Amino acid sequence: MPFTVELDPIPFARVYKAVRPVSITEITVHGTGGASNWGSSTQERSFLGWLHSSSSRRNLEGRAVVGVGIFHYAIGRQGQILQFLDDNVWCNHSQSGNHDKETIGVELLNSRRNRGTYTGAQMDTLTQLICNKLLPAYSTINKITGHRKNILKYSPNYARTYPHLVKNCPGRTFDWDVLKKRIEGYDYGVTITLT
Protein backbone atom coordinates (compact mmCIF):
# COMPACT_ATOMS: atom_id res chain seq x y z
CA MET A 1 0.00 0.00 0.00
CA PRO A 2 1.48 3.41 -0.93
CA PHE A 3 2.32 5.84 1.82
CA THR A 4 0.05 8.89 1.75
CA VAL A 5 0.08 12.12 3.69
CA GLU A 6 -3.12 14.07 4.31
CA LEU A 7 -2.69 17.75 3.59
CA ASP A 8 -4.09 20.18 6.15
CA PRO A 9 -2.49 23.51 5.33
CA ILE A 10 -2.76 26.04 8.08
CA PRO A 11 -5.14 28.79 6.97
CA PHE A 12 -2.43 31.40 7.29
CA ALA A 13 0.14 29.38 5.32
CA ARG A 14 -0.07 32.03 2.63
CA VAL A 15 2.01 34.29 4.89
CA TYR A 16 4.83 31.78 4.62
CA LYS A 17 6.87 33.22 1.79
CA ALA A 18 10.08 31.84 3.30
CA VAL A 19 11.15 29.49 0.52
CA ARG A 20 14.22 27.70 1.79
CA PRO A 21 17.43 29.10 0.29
CA VAL A 22 19.47 25.96 0.96
CA SER A 23 19.14 22.19 0.65
CA ILE A 24 17.33 20.13 3.27
CA THR A 25 19.97 18.29 5.32
CA GLU A 26 18.12 17.31 8.48
CA ILE A 27 14.88 15.99 9.91
CA THR A 28 14.09 17.30 13.40
CA VAL A 29 11.78 15.20 15.58
CA HIS A 30 9.53 16.92 18.12
CA GLY A 31 7.02 15.84 20.75
CA THR A 32 3.96 17.99 21.41
CA GLY A 33 4.38 17.75 25.15
CA GLY A 34 0.68 18.20 25.79
CA ALA A 35 -1.77 17.28 23.05
CA SER A 36 -2.39 13.58 22.57
CA ASN A 37 -4.01 13.48 19.15
CA TRP A 38 -6.54 15.16 16.93
CA GLY A 39 -10.15 14.31 16.42
CA SER A 40 -11.91 13.05 19.53
CA SER A 41 -10.59 14.32 22.85
CA THR A 42 -10.44 17.88 24.13
CA GLN A 43 -6.64 17.77 23.89
CA GLU A 44 -6.85 16.52 20.32
CA ARG A 45 -9.17 19.29 19.28
CA SER A 46 -7.07 21.84 21.14
CA PHE A 47 -3.94 20.85 19.19
CA LEU A 48 -5.49 21.32 15.75
CA GLY A 49 -7.62 24.15 17.05
CA TRP A 50 -4.53 26.08 18.13
CA LEU A 51 -2.93 25.64 14.72
CA HIS A 52 -6.04 26.93 12.99
CA SER A 53 -6.99 29.59 15.54
CA SER A 54 -7.02 33.32 15.11
CA SER A 55 -4.78 33.68 18.18
CA SER A 56 -1.99 31.66 16.58
CA ARG A 57 -2.50 33.60 13.34
CA ARG A 58 -2.09 36.88 15.21
CA ASN A 59 1.13 35.59 16.73
CA LEU A 60 2.53 34.78 13.29
CA GLU A 61 1.40 37.59 11.04
CA GLY A 62 4.41 39.29 9.59
CA ARG A 63 6.71 36.68 11.14
CA ALA A 64 6.69 34.02 8.44
CA VAL A 65 10.37 33.27 8.88
CA VAL A 66 10.03 32.83 12.62
CA GLY A 67 6.89 30.67 12.54
CA VAL A 68 6.65 30.01 16.27
CA GLY A 69 5.06 26.64 17.00
CA ILE A 70 4.74 25.58 13.38
CA PHE A 71 6.21 22.50 11.72
CA HIS A 72 5.87 20.57 8.49
CA TYR A 73 4.25 17.31 9.66
CA ALA A 74 2.36 15.98 12.69
CA ILE A 75 1.90 12.30 13.48
CA GLY A 76 -1.01 11.23 15.70
CA ARG A 77 -1.10 8.45 18.27
CA GLN A 78 -2.79 6.05 15.82
CA GLY A 79 -0.23 6.83 13.12
CA GLN A 80 -2.28 9.30 11.12
CA ILE A 81 -0.24 12.07 9.53
CA LEU A 82 -0.97 15.62 8.47
CA GLN A 83 1.24 18.00 6.49
CA PHE A 84 0.86 21.67 7.39
CA LEU A 85 3.63 23.34 5.39
CA ASP A 86 5.19 22.49 2.07
CA ASP A 87 8.66 20.96 2.40
CA ASN A 88 10.13 23.82 0.38
CA VAL A 89 9.07 26.37 2.98
CA TRP A 90 11.15 26.76 6.10
CA CYS A 91 10.04 27.81 9.56
CA ASN A 92 11.78 28.22 12.88
CA HIS A 93 10.45 25.05 14.51
CA SER A 94 13.49 24.06 16.57
CA GLN A 95 14.79 27.39 17.87
CA SER A 96 18.03 26.88 15.98
CA GLY A 97 17.93 30.10 13.98
CA ASN A 98 19.27 29.96 10.45
CA HIS A 99 19.96 26.24 10.80
CA ASP A 100 16.20 25.63 10.55
CA LYS A 101 16.48 26.66 6.89
CA GLU A 102 18.02 23.21 6.36
CA THR A 103 15.49 21.21 8.39
CA ILE A 104 12.06 19.60 8.18
CA GLY A 105 10.10 19.48 11.44
CA VAL A 106 8.05 16.42 12.37
CA GLU A 107 5.86 16.63 15.48
CA LEU A 108 4.75 13.43 17.25
CA LEU A 109 1.77 13.89 19.54
CA ASN A 110 2.47 12.99 23.15
CA SER A 111 -0.01 13.62 25.94
CA ARG A 112 2.31 13.67 28.93
CA ARG A 113 4.70 16.54 28.29
CA ASN A 114 6.97 14.18 26.35
CA ARG A 115 7.08 11.71 29.24
CA GLY A 116 4.44 9.44 27.74
CA THR A 117 5.46 6.64 25.42
CA TYR A 118 5.30 6.99 21.67
CA THR A 119 3.20 4.35 19.95
CA GLY A 120 4.31 1.71 17.49
CA ALA A 121 1.91 3.28 14.97
CA GLN A 122 3.70 6.61 15.37
CA MET A 123 7.09 4.98 14.84
CA ASP A 124 5.75 3.12 11.78
CA THR A 125 4.46 6.34 10.23
CA LEU A 126 7.62 8.27 11.10
CA THR A 127 9.70 5.54 9.45
CA GLN A 128 7.49 5.60 6.36
CA LEU A 129 7.62 9.39 6.17
CA ILE A 130 11.40 9.35 6.40
CA CYS A 131 12.09 6.34 4.18
CA ASN A 132 9.30 6.50 1.61
CA LYS A 133 8.91 10.25 1.20
CA LEU A 134 11.67 12.46 2.58
CA LEU A 135 14.88 10.52 1.89
CA PRO A 136 13.92 9.61 -1.69
CA ALA A 137 12.94 13.23 -2.40
CA TYR A 138 15.92 14.90 -0.70
CA SER A 139 19.21 13.04 -1.13
CA THR A 140 20.92 15.81 0.85
CA ILE A 141 19.36 14.69 4.16
CA ASN A 142 22.11 13.18 6.32
CA LYS A 143 20.89 13.68 9.88
CA ILE A 144 17.84 12.98 12.04
CA THR A 145 17.88 14.67 15.43
CA GLY A 146 15.71 15.98 18.25
CA HIS A 147 14.50 19.50 18.96
CA ARG A 148 16.40 19.80 22.25
CA LYS A 149 19.71 18.86 20.62
CA ASN A 150 19.28 21.60 18.03
CA ILE A 151 18.59 24.25 20.65
CA LEU A 152 21.68 23.26 22.62
CA LYS A 153 23.90 23.11 19.53
CA TYR A 154 22.71 26.11 17.52
CA SER A 155 21.26 28.41 20.19
CA PRO A 156 23.48 27.90 23.27
CA ASN A 157 23.04 31.49 24.46
CA TYR A 158 19.26 31.10 24.38
CA ALA A 159 19.56 27.80 26.26
CA ARG A 160 21.72 29.41 28.95
CA THR A 161 19.56 32.53 29.25
CA TYR A 162 16.20 30.71 29.24
CA PRO A 163 16.91 27.18 30.51
CA HIS A 164 13.30 26.80 31.69
CA LEU A 165 12.15 27.19 28.05
CA VAL A 166 14.41 24.44 26.71
CA LYS A 167 12.00 21.53 26.83
CA ASN A 168 13.07 17.91 26.71
CA CYS A 169 11.86 17.26 23.19
CA PRO A 170 11.02 14.72 21.90
CA GLY A 171 11.77 13.41 25.40
CA ARG A 172 13.50 10.46 27.02
CA THR A 173 10.76 8.06 25.98
CA PHE A 174 11.48 8.57 22.28
CA ASP A 175 13.45 5.46 21.32
CA TRP A 176 16.17 6.45 18.84
CA ASP A 177 17.39 2.84 18.68
CA VAL A 178 13.97 1.67 17.47
CA LEU A 179 13.94 4.36 14.78
CA LYS A 180 17.47 3.42 13.71
CA LYS A 181 16.55 -0.27 13.38
CA ARG A 182 13.47 0.60 11.35
CA ILE A 183 15.50 2.77 8.97
CA GLU A 184 18.39 0.32 8.55
CA GLY A 185 16.42 -1.81 6.06
CA TYR A 186 16.42 1.02 3.54
CA ASP A 187 19.51 1.79 1.45
CA TYR A 188 19.82 5.28 0.01
CA GLY A 189 23.58 5.33 -0.51
CA VAL A 190 24.01 7.95 2.20
CA THR A 191 24.90 7.72 5.85
CA ILE A 192 22.18 8.98 8.13
CA THR A 193 23.26 10.04 11.60
CA LEU A 194 20.66 9.77 14.34
CA THR A 195 21.36 11.92 17.39
Foldseek 3Di string as FASTA:
>chain_A
DADDAAEDAAPVLVQQPAFQPDAAAEEAEFEPQAAQAADDDPSNPVVVCCSRDPVLVVVCVVPNQASEPDFQKEAHQQQHMYGHHDPRTFYNHQQQPPVSSRYGYYYYYDHHHLPHARHPSNLVNVLCCVQVPPCVVGVNHAEYEYSLVSCCPRPVVCCVVCVVPRGQTNHPNDDQVVSCVSNVVGDDPHHHYYD
